[in-house]
Amino acid sequence: EIQHCLVSAGDVGCGVFECFENNSCEIRGLQEICMTFLHNAGKFDSQGKSFIKDALKCMAHGLRHKFSCISRKCVSIKEMVFQLQRECYIKHNLCSAAKENVAVMVEMIHFQDLFPKG
């Protein structure tokens, strides 16, 4: 079901993340994280905006490409999602973006919400 959704999801926005919301594996929160970042992007400085654009693109691209290569067991899917999220946040420098945009980050979300529940 996730694979079918990923094929039809668009490249822009949070469609790829939505594919992981309503399925038997119960991977929750990815779409909410995406939407929260997009709704608040205008409040970030240029470095923060770049982080949002690049990190979301990194995750969407990775979810699409890595999903077809892994076992379809829920534990494998969840681990792939968490690992990919860590990679994309580190690669696109979450810490630096957060440091330069502390007020927005605090106002926007609680840090525990940056990682999907599941």
PDB file of N, CA and C in Angstrom:
ATOM      1  N   GLU A   1       0.810  -1.208   0.000  1.00  0.00           N
ATOM      2  CA  GLU A   1       0.000   0.000   0.000  1.00  0.00           C
ATOM      3  C   GLU A   1       0.849   1.267   0.000  1.00  0.00           C
ATOM      4  N   ILE A   2       1.972   1.230   0.752  1.00  0.00           N
ATOM      5  CA  ILE A   2       2.856   2.394   0.802  1.00  0.00           C
ATOM      6  C   ILE A   2       3.513   2.598  -0.557  1.00  0.00           C
ATOM      7  N   GLN A   3       3.980   1.508  -1.167  1.00  0.00           N
ATOM      8  CA  GLN A   3       4.653   1.600  -2.466  1.00  0.00           C
ATOM      9  C   GLN A   3       3.746   2.243  -3.507  1.00  0.00           C
ATOM     10  N   HIS A   4       2.491   1.827  -3.558  1.00  0.00           N
ATOM     11  CA  HIS A   4       1.530   2.387  -4.515  1.00  0.00           C
ATOM     12  C   HIS A   4       1.355   3.886  -4.280  1.00  0.00           C
ATOM     13  N   CYS A   5       1.251   4.272  -3.028  1.00  0.00           N
ATOM     14  CA  CYS A   5       1.108   5.683  -2.676  1.00  0.00           C
ATOM     15  C   CYS A   5       2.339   6.481  -3.093  1.00  0.00           C
ATOM     16  N   LEU A   6       3.534   5.938  -2.846  1.00  0.00           N
ATOM     17  CA  LEU A   6       4.774   6.637  -3.191  1.00  0.00           C
ATOM     18  C   LEU A   6       4.880   6.895  -4.687  1.00  0.00           C
ATOM     19  N   VAL A   7       4.423   5.942  -5.485  1.00  0.00           N
ATOM     20  CA  VAL A   7       4.473   6.086  -6.940  1.00  0.00           C
ATOM     21  C   VAL A   7       3.597   7.253  -7.393  1.00  0.00           C
ATOM     22  N   SER A   8       2.442   7.414  -6.751  1.00  0.00           N
ATOM     23  CA  SER A   8       1.508   8.454  -7.190  1.00  0.00           C
ATOM     24  C   SER A   8       1.693   9.793  -6.475  1.00  0.00           C
ATOM     25  N   ALA A   9       2.519   9.827  -5.422  1.00  0.00           N
ATOM     26  CA  ALA A   9       2.737  11.080  -4.684  1.00  0.00           C
ATOM     27  C   ALA A   9       3.565  12.049  -5.524  1.00  0.00           C
ATOM     28  N   GLY A  10       3.228  13.321  -5.448  1.00  0.00           N
ATOM     29  CA  GLY A  10       3.962  14.347  -6.185  1.00  0.00           C
ATOM     30  C   GLY A  10       5.325  14.611  -5.573  1.00  0.00           C
ATOM     31  N   ASP A  11       6.152  15.349  -6.307  1.00  0.00           N
ATOM     32  CA  ASP A  11       7.502  15.650  -5.837  1.00  0.00           C
ATOM     33  C   ASP A  11       7.545  16.850  -4.900  1.00  0.00           C
ATOM     34  N   VAL A  12       6.518  17.684  -4.926  1.00  0.00           N
ATOM     35  CA  VAL A  12       6.494  18.895  -4.120  1.00  0.00           C
ATOM     36  C   VAL A  12       5.456  18.735  -3.014  1.00  0.00           C
ATOM     37  N   GLY A  13       5.734  19.329  -1.873  1.00  0.00           N
ATOM     38  CA  GLY A  13       4.784  19.264  -0.769  1.00  0.00           C
ATOM     39  C   GLY A  13       5.035  18.056   0.116  1.00  0.00           C
ATOM     40  N   CYS A  14       3.993  17.613   0.799  1.00  0.00           N
ATOM     41  CA  CYS A  14       4.139  16.577   1.820  1.00  0.00           C
ATOM     42  C   CYS A  14       3.512  15.248   1.430  1.00  0.00           C
ATOM     43  N   GLY A  15       3.220  15.059   0.150  1.00  0.00           N
ATOM     44  CA  GLY A  15       2.552  13.847  -0.306  1.00  0.00           C
ATOM     45  C   GLY A  15       3.294  12.563   0.014  1.00  0.00           C
ATOM     46  N   VAL A  16       4.613  12.564  -0.162  1.00  0.00           N
ATOM     47  CA  VAL A  16       5.414  11.365   0.114  1.00  0.00           C
ATOM     48  C   VAL A  16       5.284  10.990   1.590  1.00  0.00           C
ATOM     49  N   PHE A  17       5.295  11.990   2.461  1.00  0.00           N
ATOM     50  CA  PHE A  17       5.211  11.738   3.902  1.00  0.00           C
ATOM     51  C   PHE A  17       3.836  11.203   4.293  1.00  0.00           C
ATOM     52  N   GLU A  18       2.825  11.667   3.582  1.00  0.00           N
ATOM     53  CA  GLU A  18       1.453  11.210   3.858  1.00  0.00           C
ATOM     54  C   GLU A  18       1.324   9.704   3.622  1.00  0.00           C
ATOM     55  N   CYS A  19       2.100   9.161   2.710  1.00  0.00           N
ATOM     56  CA  CYS A  19       2.042   7.732   2.400  1.00  0.00           C
ATOM     57  C   CYS A  19       2.353   6.854   3.607  1.00  0.00           C
ATOM     58  N   PHE A  20       3.089   7.406   4.565  1.00  0.00           N
ATOM     59  CA  PHE A  20       3.488   6.615   5.725  1.00  0.00           C
ATOM     60  C   PHE A  20       2.528   6.782   6.908  1.00  0.00           C
ATOM     61  N   GLU A  21       1.494   7.603   6.740  1.00  0.00           N
ATOM     62  CA  GLU A  21       0.587   7.892   7.851  1.00  0.00           C
ATOM     63  C   GLU A  21      -0.460   6.798   8.087  1.00  0.00           C
ATOM     64  N   ASN A  22      -1.210   6.460   7.065  1.00  0.00           N
ATOM     65  CA  ASN A  22      -2.349   5.569   7.252  1.00  0.00           C
ATOM     66  C   ASN A  22      -2.066   4.184   6.701  1.00  0.00           C
ATOM     67  N   ASN A  23      -1.259   3.452   7.428  1.00  0.00           N
ATOM     68  CA  ASN A  23      -0.958   2.089   7.008  1.00  0.00           C
ATOM     69  C   ASN A  23      -0.817   1.223   8.247  1.00  0.00           C
ATOM     70  N   SER A  24      -0.659  -0.030   8.034  1.00  0.00           N
ATOM     71  CA  SER A  24      -0.639  -0.972   9.143  1.00  0.00           C
ATOM     72  C   SER A  24       0.594  -0.823  10.042  1.00  0.00           C
ATOM     73  N   CYS A  25       1.642  -0.149   9.563  1.00  0.00           N
ATOM     74  CA  CYS A  25       2.849   0.007  10.383  1.00  0.00           C
ATOM     75  C   CYS A  25       2.746   1.137  11.405  1.00  0.00           C
ATOM     76  N   GLU A  26       1.777   1.983  11.239  1.00  0.00           N
ATOM     77  CA  GLU A  26       1.549   3.087  12.178  1.00  0.00           C
ATOM     78  C   GLU A  26       2.782   3.971  12.371  1.00  0.00           C
ATOM     79  N   ILE A  27       3.339   4.409  11.283  1.00  0.00           N
ATOM     80  CA  ILE A  27       4.431   5.384  11.343  1.00  0.00           C
ATOM     81  C   ILE A  27       3.770   6.757  11.284  1.00  0.00           C
ATOM     82  N   ARG A  28       3.719   7.417  12.408  1.00  0.00           N
ATOM     83  CA  ARG A  28       2.975   8.675  12.509  1.00  0.00           C
ATOM     84  C   ARG A  28       3.921   9.871  12.611  1.00  0.00           C
ATOM     85  N   GLY A  29       3.453  10.998  12.152  1.00  0.00           N
ATOM     86  CA  GLY A  29       4.154  12.247  12.403  1.00  0.00           C
ATOM     87  C   GLY A  29       4.961  12.826  11.265  1.00  0.00           C
ATOM     88  N   LEU A  30       5.302  12.033  10.257  1.00  0.00           N
ATOM     89  CA  LEU A  30       6.126  12.570   9.170  1.00  0.00           C
ATOM     90  C   LEU A  30       5.426  13.702   8.427  1.00  0.00           C
ATOM     91  N   GLN A  31       4.157  13.490   8.102  1.00  0.00           N
ATOM     92  CA  GLN A  31       3.432  14.524   7.368  1.00  0.00           C
ATOM     93  C   GLN A  31       3.260  15.776   8.226  1.00  0.00           C
ATOM     94  N   GLU A  32       3.011  15.578   9.508  1.00  0.00           N
ATOM     95  CA  GLU A  32       2.846  16.719  10.417  1.00  0.00           C
ATOM     96  C   GLU A  32       4.140  17.525  10.515  1.00  0.00           C
ATOM     97  N   ILE A  33       5.271  16.834  10.576  1.00  0.00           N
ATOM     98  CA  ILE A  33       6.568  17.512  10.604  1.00  0.00           C
ATOM     99  C   ILE A  33       6.751  18.334   9.330  1.00  0.00           C
ATOM    100  N   CYS A  34       6.458  17.724   8.194  1.00  0.00           N
ATOM    101  CA  CYS A  34       6.582  18.401   6.902  1.00  0.00           C
ATOM    102  C   CYS A  34       5.693  19.642   6.854  1.00  0.00           C
ATOM    103  N   MET A  35       4.429  19.478   7.224  1.00  0.00           N
ATOM    104  CA  MET A  35       3.477  20.598   7.172  1.00  0.00           C
ATOM    105  C   MET A  35       3.902  21.725   8.118  1.00  0.00           C
ATOM    106  N   THR A  36       4.371  21.366   9.300  1.00  0.00           N
ATOM    107  CA  THR A  36       4.794  22.375  10.268  1.00  0.00           C
ATOM    108  C   THR A  36       5.968  23.176   9.726  1.00  0.00           C
ATOM    109  N   PHE A  37       6.947  22.489   9.152  1.00  0.00           N
ATOM    110  CA  PHE A  37       8.078  23.201   8.558  1.00  0.00           C
ATOM    111  C   PHE A  37       7.615  24.109   7.420  1.00  0.00           C
ATOM    112  N   LEU A  38       6.770  23.599   6.529  1.00  0.00           N
ATOM    113  CA  LEU A  38       6.325  24.410   5.386  1.00  0.00           C
ATOM    114  C   LEU A  38       5.504  25.618   5.823  1.00  0.00           C
ATOM    115  N   HIS A  39       4.621  25.441   6.791  1.00  0.00           N
ATOM    116  CA  HIS A  39       3.779  26.554   7.259  1.00  0.00           C
ATOM    117  C   HIS A  39       4.589  27.648   7.941  1.00  0.00           C
ATOM    118  N   ASN A  40       5.728  27.279   8.507  1.00  0.00           N
ATOM    119  CA  ASN A  40       6.538  28.242   9.248  1.00  0.00           C
ATOM    120  C   ASN A  40       7.788  28.698   8.511  1.00  0.00           C
ATOM    121  N   ALA A  41       7.979  28.229   7.296  1.00  0.00           N
ATOM    122  CA  ALA A  41       9.210  28.528   6.549  1.00  0.00           C
ATOM    123  C   ALA A  41       9.467  30.026   6.411  1.00  0.00           C
ATOM    124  N   GLY A  42       8.425  30.810   6.245  1.00  0.00           N
ATOM    125  CA  GLY A  42       8.575  32.250   6.064  1.00  0.00           C
ATOM    126  C   GLY A  42       9.173  32.969   7.260  1.00  0.00           C
ATOM    127  N   LYS A  43       9.130  32.343   8.418  1.00  0.00           N
ATOM    128  CA  LYS A  43       9.670  32.956   9.640  1.00  0.00           C
ATOM    129  C   LYS A  43      11.169  32.692   9.809  1.00  0.00           C
ATOM    130  N   PHE A  44      11.724  31.807   9.002  1.00  0.00           N
ATOM    131  CA  PHE A  44      13.139  31.451   9.108  1.00  0.00           C
ATOM    132  C   PHE A  44      14.005  32.386   8.289  1.00  0.00           C
ATOM    133  N   ASP A  45      15.284  32.498   8.681  1.00  0.00           N
ATOM    134  CA  ASP A  45      16.237  33.244   7.859  1.00  0.00           C
ATOM    135  C   ASP A  45      16.595  32.385   6.644  1.00  0.00           C
ATOM    136  N   SER A  46      17.469  32.897   5.776  1.00  0.00           N
ATOM    137  CA  SER A  46      17.760  32.171   4.533  1.00  0.00           C
ATOM    138  C   SER A  46      18.385  30.802   4.808  1.00  0.00           C
ATOM    139  N   GLN A  47      19.226  30.696   5.828  1.00  0.00           N
ATOM    140  CA  GLN A  47      19.822  29.409   6.163  1.00  0.00           C
ATOM    141  C   GLN A  47      18.737  28.427   6.623  1.00  0.00           C
ATOM    142  N   GLY A  48      17.801  28.907   7.416  1.00  0.00           N
ATOM    143  CA  GLY A  48      16.707  28.063   7.888  1.00  0.00           C
ATOM    144  C   GLY A  48      15.805  27.605   6.756  1.00  0.00           C
ATOM    145  N   LYS A  49      15.527  28.523   5.837  1.00  0.00           N
ATOM    146  CA  LYS A  49      14.700  28.170   4.673  1.00  0.00           C
ATOM    147  C   LYS A  49      15.392  27.102   3.832  1.00  0.00           C
ATOM    148  N   SER A  50      16.703  27.253   3.653  1.00  0.00           N
ATOM    149  CA  SER A  50      17.459  26.250   2.894  1.00  0.00           C
ATOM    150  C   SER A  50      17.425  24.902   3.593  1.00  0.00           C
ATOM    151  N   PHE A  51      17.576  24.916   4.928  1.00  0.00           N
ATOM    152  CA  PHE A  51      17.514  23.665   5.679  1.00  0.00           C
ATOM    153  C   PHE A  51      16.162  22.975   5.436  1.00  0.00           C
ATOM    154  N   ILE A  52      15.075  23.722   5.566  1.00  0.00           N
ATOM    155  CA  ILE A  52      13.739  23.135   5.403  1.00  0.00           C
ATOM    156  C   ILE A  52      13.587  22.529   4.009  1.00  0.00           C
ATOM    157  N   LYS A  53      13.915  23.318   2.991  1.00  0.00           N
ATOM    158  CA  LYS A  53      13.773  22.838   1.616  1.00  0.00           C
ATOM    159  C   LYS A  53      14.640  21.611   1.362  1.00  0.00           C
ATOM    160  N   ASP A  54      15.899  21.690   1.749  1.00  0.00           N
ATOM    161  CA  ASP A  54      16.835  20.602   1.463  1.00  0.00           C
ATOM    162  C   ASP A  54      16.566  19.353   2.304  1.00  0.00           C
ATOM    163  N   ALA A  55      16.251  19.521   3.570  1.00  0.00           N
ATOM    164  CA  ALA A  55      16.003  18.361   4.440  1.00  0.00           C
ATOM    165  C   ALA A  55      14.726  17.634   4.021  1.00  0.00           C
ATOM    166  N   LEU A  56      13.674  18.383   3.703  1.00  0.00           N
ATOM    167  CA  LEU A  56      12.425  17.739   3.271  1.00  0.00           C
ATOM    168  C   LEU A  56      12.614  17.028   1.940  1.00  0.00           C
ATOM    169  N   LYS A  57      13.364  17.667   1.031  1.00  0.00           N
ATOM    170  CA  LYS A  57      13.641  17.037  -0.264  1.00  0.00           C
ATOM    171  C   LYS A  57      14.469  15.774  -0.066  1.00  0.00           C
ATOM    172  N   CYS A  58      15.468  15.847   0.808  1.00  0.00           N
ATOM    173  CA  CYS A  58      16.324  14.706   1.124  1.00  0.00           C
ATOM    174  C   CYS A  58      15.482  13.546   1.661  1.00  0.00           C
ATOM    175  N   MET A  59      14.574  13.847   2.583  1.00  0.00           N
ATOM    176  CA  MET A  59      13.751  12.787   3.179  1.00  0.00           C
ATOM    177  C   MET A  59      12.773  12.204   2.162  1.00  0.00           C
ATOM    178  N   ALA A  60      12.128  13.072   1.393  1.00  0.00           N
ATOM    179  CA  ALA A  60      11.160  12.584   0.404  1.00  0.00           C
ATOM    180  C   ALA A  60      11.856  11.704  -0.638  1.00  0.00           C
ATOM    181  N   HIS A  61      12.987  12.175  -1.114  1.00  0.00           N
ATOM    182  CA  HIS A  61      13.761  11.422  -2.113  1.00  0.00           C
ATOM    183  C   HIS A  61      14.208  10.083  -1.521  1.00  0.00           C
ATOM    184  N   GLY A  62      14.737  10.131  -0.319  1.00  0.00           N
ATOM    185  CA  GLY A  62      15.213   8.923   0.338  1.00  0.00           C
ATOM    186  C   GLY A  62      14.102   7.926   0.613  1.00  0.00           C
ATOM    187  N   LEU A  63      12.953   8.416   1.071  1.00  0.00           N
ATOM    188  CA  LEU A  63      11.824   7.522   1.349  1.00  0.00           C
ATOM    189  C   LEU A  63      11.392   6.797   0.082  1.00  0.00           C
ATOM    190  N   ARG A  64      11.338   7.542  -1.013  1.00  0.00           N
ATOM    191  CA  ARG A  64      10.948   6.940  -2.289  1.00  0.00           C
ATOM    192  C   ARG A  64      11.920   5.856  -2.727  1.00  0.00           C
ATOM    193  N   HIS A  65      13.200   6.182  -2.677  1.00  0.00           N
ATOM    194  CA  HIS A  65      14.208   5.277  -3.224  1.00  0.00           C
ATOM    195  C   HIS A  65      14.577   4.132  -2.288  1.00  0.00           C
ATOM    196  N   LYS A  66      14.630   4.398  -1.001  1.00  0.00           N
ATOM    197  CA  LYS A  66      15.020   3.344  -0.068  1.00  0.00           C
ATOM    198  C   LYS A  66      13.880   2.381   0.225  1.00  0.00           C
ATOM    199  N   PHE A  67      12.631   2.855   0.098  1.00  0.00           N
ATOM    200  CA  PHE A  67      11.507   1.985   0.442  1.00  0.00           C
ATOM    201  C   PHE A  67      11.473   0.741  -0.427  1.00  0.00           C
ATOM    202  N   SER A  68      11.788   0.897  -1.695  1.00  0.00           N
ATOM    203  CA  SER A  68      11.725  -0.246  -2.603  1.00  0.00           C
ATOM    204  C   SER A  68      12.855  -1.249  -2.371  1.00  0.00           C
ATOM    205  N   CYS A  69      13.865  -0.857  -1.598  1.00  0.00           N
ATOM    206  CA  CYS A  69      15.037  -1.725  -1.397  1.00  0.00           C
ATOM    207  C   CYS A  69      15.032  -2.465  -0.067  1.00  0.00           C
ATOM    208  N   ILE A  70      14.062  -2.189   0.787  1.00  0.00           N
ATOM    209  CA  ILE A  70      14.101  -2.804   2.117  1.00  0.00           C
ATOM    210  C   ILE A  70      12.991  -3.827   2.281  1.00  0.00           C
ATOM    211  N   SER A  71      13.145  -4.609   3.314  1.00  0.00           N
ATOM    212  CA  SER A  71      12.106  -5.572   3.700  1.00  0.00           C
ATOM    213  C   SER A  71      10.833  -4.797   4.020  1.00  0.00           C
ATOM    214  N   ARG A  72       9.696  -5.388   3.758  1.00  0.00           N
ATOM    215  CA  ARG A  72       8.426  -4.708   4.022  1.00  0.00           C
ATOM    216  C   ARG A  72       7.937  -4.908   5.453  1.00  0.00           C
ATOM    217  N   LYS A  73       8.776  -5.490   6.301  1.00  0.00           N
ATOM    218  CA  LYS A  73       8.394  -5.651   7.702  1.00  0.00           C
ATOM    219  C   LYS A  73       8.375  -4.277   8.360  1.00  0.00           C
ATOM    220  N   CYS A  74       7.400  -4.068   9.222  1.00  0.00           N
ATOM    221  CA  CYS A  74       7.247  -2.756   9.857  1.00  0.00           C
ATOM    222  C   CYS A  74       8.505  -2.301  10.581  1.00  0.00           C
ATOM    223  N   VAL A  75       9.161  -3.212  11.266  1.00  0.00           N
ATOM    224  CA  VAL A  75      10.356  -2.825  12.015  1.00  0.00           C
ATOM    225  C   VAL A  75      11.440  -2.315  11.060  1.00  0.00           C
ATOM    226  N   SER A  76      11.563  -2.897   9.893  1.00  0.00           N
ATOM    227  CA  SER A  76      12.548  -2.445   8.895  1.00  0.00           C
ATOM    228  C   SER A  76      12.166  -1.085   8.329  1.00  0.00           C
ATOM    229  N   ILE A  77      10.892  -0.893   8.073  1.00  0.00           N
ATOM    230  CA  ILE A  77      10.412   0.391   7.539  1.00  0.00           C
ATOM    231  C   ILE A  77      10.652   1.505   8.558  1.00  0.00           C
ATOM    232  N   LYS A  78      10.296   1.251   9.814  1.00  0.00           N
ATOM    233  CA  LYS A  78      10.481   2.269  10.852  1.00  0.00           C
ATOM    234  C   LYS A  78      11.950   2.623  11.025  1.00  0.00           C
ATOM    235  N   GLU A  79      12.803   1.625  11.037  1.00  0.00           N
ATOM    236  CA  GLU A  79      14.233   1.876  11.195  1.00  0.00           C
ATOM    237  C   GLU A  79      14.771   2.681  10.014  1.00  0.00           C
ATOM    238  N   MET A  80      14.332   2.361   8.804  1.00  0.00           N
ATOM    239  CA  MET A  80      14.756   3.101   7.619  1.00  0.00           C
ATOM    240  C   MET A  80      14.324   4.565   7.737  1.00  0.00           C
ATOM    241  N   VAL A  81      13.098   4.805   8.187  1.00  0.00           N
ATOM    242  CA  VAL A  81      12.583   6.173   8.328  1.00  0.00           C
ATOM    243  C   VAL A  81      13.411   6.957   9.349  1.00  0.00           C
ATOM    244  N   PHE A  82      13.654   6.365  10.512  1.00  0.00           N
ATOM    245  CA  PHE A  82      14.426   7.057  11.548  1.00  0.00           C
ATOM    246  C   PHE A  82      15.858   7.334  11.096  1.00  0.00           C
ATOM    247  N   GLN A  83      16.472   6.348  10.463  1.00  0.00           N
ATOM    248  CA  GLN A  83      17.850   6.502   9.995  1.00  0.00           C
ATOM    249  C   GLN A  83      17.937   7.586   8.916  1.00  0.00           C
ATOM    250  N   LEU A  84      17.006   7.570   7.992  1.00  0.00           N
ATOM    251  CA  LEU A  84      16.982   8.564   6.926  1.00  0.00           C
ATOM    252  C   LEU A  84      16.777   9.961   7.487  1.00  0.00           C
ATOM    253  N   GLN A  85      15.894  10.073   8.450  1.00  0.00           N
ATOM    254  CA  GLN A  85      15.638  11.379   9.043  1.00  0.00           C
ATOM    255  C   GLN A  85      16.893  11.916   9.727  1.00  0.00           C
ATOM    256  N   ARG A  86      17.574  11.066  10.470  1.00  0.00           N
ATOM    257  CA  ARG A  86      18.834  11.482  11.117  1.00  0.00           C
ATOM    258  C   ARG A  86      19.842  11.935  10.061  1.00  0.00           C
ATOM    259  N   GLU A  87      19.987  11.135   9.007  1.00  0.00           N
ATOM    260  CA  GLU A  87      20.949  11.466   7.943  1.00  0.00           C
ATOM    261  C   GLU A  87      20.638  12.824   7.319  1.00  0.00           C
ATOM    262  N   CYS A  88      19.377  13.057   6.999  1.00  0.00           N
ATOM    263  CA  CYS A  88      18.996  14.307   6.324  1.00  0.00           C
ATOM    264  C   CYS A  88      19.138  15.514   7.246  1.00  0.00           C
ATOM    265  N   TYR A  89      18.771  15.354   8.515  1.00  0.00           N
ATOM    266  CA  TYR A  89      18.922  16.464   9.466  1.00  0.00           C
ATOM    267  C   TYR A  89      20.396  16.812   9.651  1.00  0.00           C
ATOM    268  N   ILE A  90      21.242  15.792   9.749  1.00  0.00           N
ATOM    269  CA  ILE A  90      22.673  16.040   9.932  1.00  0.00           C
ATOM    270  C   ILE A  90      23.284  16.622   8.658  1.00  0.00           C
ATOM    271  N   LYS A  91      22.976  16.006   7.516  1.00  0.00           N
ATOM    272  CA  LYS A  91      23.530  16.447   6.230  1.00  0.00           C
ATOM    273  C   LYS A  91      23.207  17.911   5.942  1.00  0.00           C
ATOM    274  N   HIS A  92      21.997  18.329   6.306  1.00  0.00           N
ATOM    275  CA  HIS A  92      21.576  19.700   5.992  1.00  0.00           C
ATOM    276  C   HIS A  92      21.648  20.626   7.202  1.00  0.00           C
ATOM    277  N   ASN A  93      22.347  20.161   8.242  1.00  0.00           N
ATOM    278  CA  ASN A  93      22.744  20.986   9.373  1.00  0.00           C
ATOM    279  C   ASN A  93      21.597  21.559  10.197  1.00  0.00           C
ATOM    280  N   LEU A  94      20.791  20.664  10.744  1.00  0.00           N
ATOM    281  CA  LEU A  94      19.692  21.064  11.627  1.00  0.00           C
ATOM    282  C   LEU A  94      20.188  21.930  12.782  1.00  0.00           C
ATOM    283  N   CYS A  95      21.293  21.547  13.393  1.00  0.00           N
ATOM    284  CA  CYS A  95      21.771  22.270  14.575  1.00  0.00           C
ATOM    285  C   CYS A  95      22.080  23.724  14.262  1.00  0.00           C
ATOM    286  N   SER A  96      22.738  23.947  13.148  1.00  0.00           N
ATOM    287  CA  SER A  96      23.076  25.312  12.756  1.00  0.00           C
ATOM    288  C   SER A  96      21.818  26.117  12.425  1.00  0.00           C
ATOM    289  N   ALA A  97      20.893  25.503  11.692  1.00  0.00           N
ATOM    290  CA  ALA A  97      19.640  26.186  11.338  1.00  0.00           C
ATOM    291  C   ALA A  97      18.839  26.512  12.596  1.00  0.00           C
ATOM    292  N   ALA A  98      18.807  25.591  13.541  1.00  0.00           N
ATOM    293  CA  ALA A  98      18.060  25.803  14.784  1.00  0.00           C
ATOM    294  C   ALA A  98      18.709  26.907  15.620  1.00  0.00           C
ATOM    295  N   LYS A  99      20.041  26.910  15.659  1.00  0.00           N
ATOM    296  CA  LYS A  99      20.767  27.906  16.454  1.00  0.00           C
ATOM    297  C   LYS A  99      20.488  29.318  15.944  1.00  0.00           C
ATOM    298  N   GLU A 100      20.406  29.454  14.621  1.00  0.00           N
ATOM    299  CA  GLU A 100      20.171  30.770  14.029  1.00  0.00           C
ATOM    300  C   GLU A 100      18.685  31.158  14.015  1.00  0.00           C
ATOM    301  N   ASN A 101      17.823  30.212  14.327  1.00  0.00           N
ATOM    302  CA  ASN A 101      16.371  30.455  14.278  1.00  0.00           C
ATOM    303  C   ASN A 101      15.684  29.940  15.543  1.00  0.00           C
ATOM    304  N   VAL A 102      16.330  30.163  16.673  1.00  0.00           N
ATOM    305  CA  VAL A 102      15.847  29.604  17.942  1.00  0.00           C
ATOM    306  C   VAL A 102      14.407  30.011  18.224  1.00  0.00           C
ATOM    307  N   ALA A 103      14.105  31.293  18.108  1.00  0.00           N
ATOM    308  CA  ALA A 103      12.763  31.775  18.458  1.00  0.00           C
ATOM    309  C   ALA A 103      11.691  31.088  17.625  1.00  0.00           C
ATOM    310  N   VAL A 104      11.941  30.942  16.337  1.00  0.00           N
ATOM    311  CA  VAL A 104      10.966  30.297  15.453  1.00  0.00           C
ATOM    312  C   VAL A 104      10.817  28.821  15.813  1.00  0.00           C
ATOM    313  N   MET A 105      11.938  28.162  16.045  1.00  0.00           N
ATOM    314  CA  MET A 105      11.900  26.734  16.382  1.00  0.00           C
ATOM    315  C   MET A 105      11.121  26.505  17.670  1.00  0.00           C
ATOM    316  N   VAL A 106      11.368  27.331  18.669  1.00  0.00           N
ATOM    317  CA  VAL A 106      10.679  27.178  19.955  1.00  0.00           C
ATOM    318  C   VAL A 106       9.190  27.438  19.784  1.00  0.00           C
ATOM    319  N   GLU A 107       8.866  28.477  19.034  1.00  0.00           N
ATOM    320  CA  GLU A 107       7.462  28.827  18.791  1.00  0.00           C
ATOM    321  C   GLU A 107       6.756  27.755  17.962  1.00  0.00           C
ATOM    322  N   MET A 108       7.480  27.195  17.024  1.00  0.00           N
ATOM    323  CA  MET A 108       6.906  26.287  16.044  1.00  0.00           C
ATOM    324  C   MET A 108       6.582  24.915  16.620  1.00  0.00           C
ATOM    325  N   ILE A 109       7.555  24.305  17.241  1.00  0.00           N
ATOM    326  CA  ILE A 109       7.372  22.925  17.683  1.00  0.00           C
ATOM    327  C   ILE A 109       8.209  22.636  18.910  1.00  0.00           C
ATOM    328  N   HIS A 110       7.889  21.527  19.511  1.00  0.00           N
ATOM    329  CA  HIS A 110       8.711  21.000  20.591  1.00  0.00           C
ATOM    330  C   HIS A 110       9.640  19.986  19.944  1.00  0.00           C
ATOM    331  N   PHE A 111      10.854  19.897  20.409  1.00  0.00           N
ATOM    332  CA  PHE A 111      11.829  19.047  19.737  1.00  0.00           C
ATOM    333  C   PHE A 111      11.412  17.585  19.656  1.00  0.00           C
ATOM    334  N   GLN A 112      10.618  17.110  20.619  1.00  0.00           N
ATOM    335  CA  GLN A 112      10.207  15.708  20.529  1.00  0.00           C
ATOM    336  C   GLN A 112       9.320  15.488  19.300  1.00  0.00           C
ATOM    337  N   ASP A 113       8.710  16.550  18.761  1.00  0.00           N
ATOM    338  CA  ASP A 113       7.859  16.418  17.594  1.00  0.00           C
ATOM    339  C   ASP A 113       8.651  16.361  16.293  1.00  0.00           C
ATOM    340  N   LEU A 114       9.958  16.612  16.361  1.00  0.00           N
ATOM    341  CA  LEU A 114      10.785  16.539  15.145  1.00  0.00           C
ATOM    342  C   LEU A 114      11.005  15.098  14.698  1.00  0.00           C
ATOM    343  N   PHE A 115      10.654  14.154  15.540  1.00  0.00           N
ATOM    344  CA  PHE A 115      10.858  12.755  15.212  1.00  0.00           C
ATOM    345  C   PHE A 115       9.518  12.038  15.260  1.00  0.00           C
ATOM    346  N   PRO A 116       9.250  11.197  14.260  1.00  0.00           N
ATOM    347  CA  PRO A 116       7.934  10.567  14.184  1.00  0.00           C
ATOM    348  C   PRO A 116       7.668   9.652  15.365  1.00  0.00           C
ATOM    349  N   LYS A 117       6.406   9.605  15.712  1.00  0.00           N
ATOM    350  CA  LYS A 117       5.984   8.704  16.786  1.00  0.00           C
ATOM    351  C   LYS A 117       5.791   7.324  16.159  1.00  0.00           C
ATOM    352  N   GLY A 118       5.991   6.329  16.904  1.00  0.00           N
ATOM    353  CA  GLY A 118       5.763   5.039  16.295  1.00  0.00           C
ATOM    354  C   GLY A 118       6.472   3.985  17.032  1.00  0.00           C
TER     355      GLY A 118
END
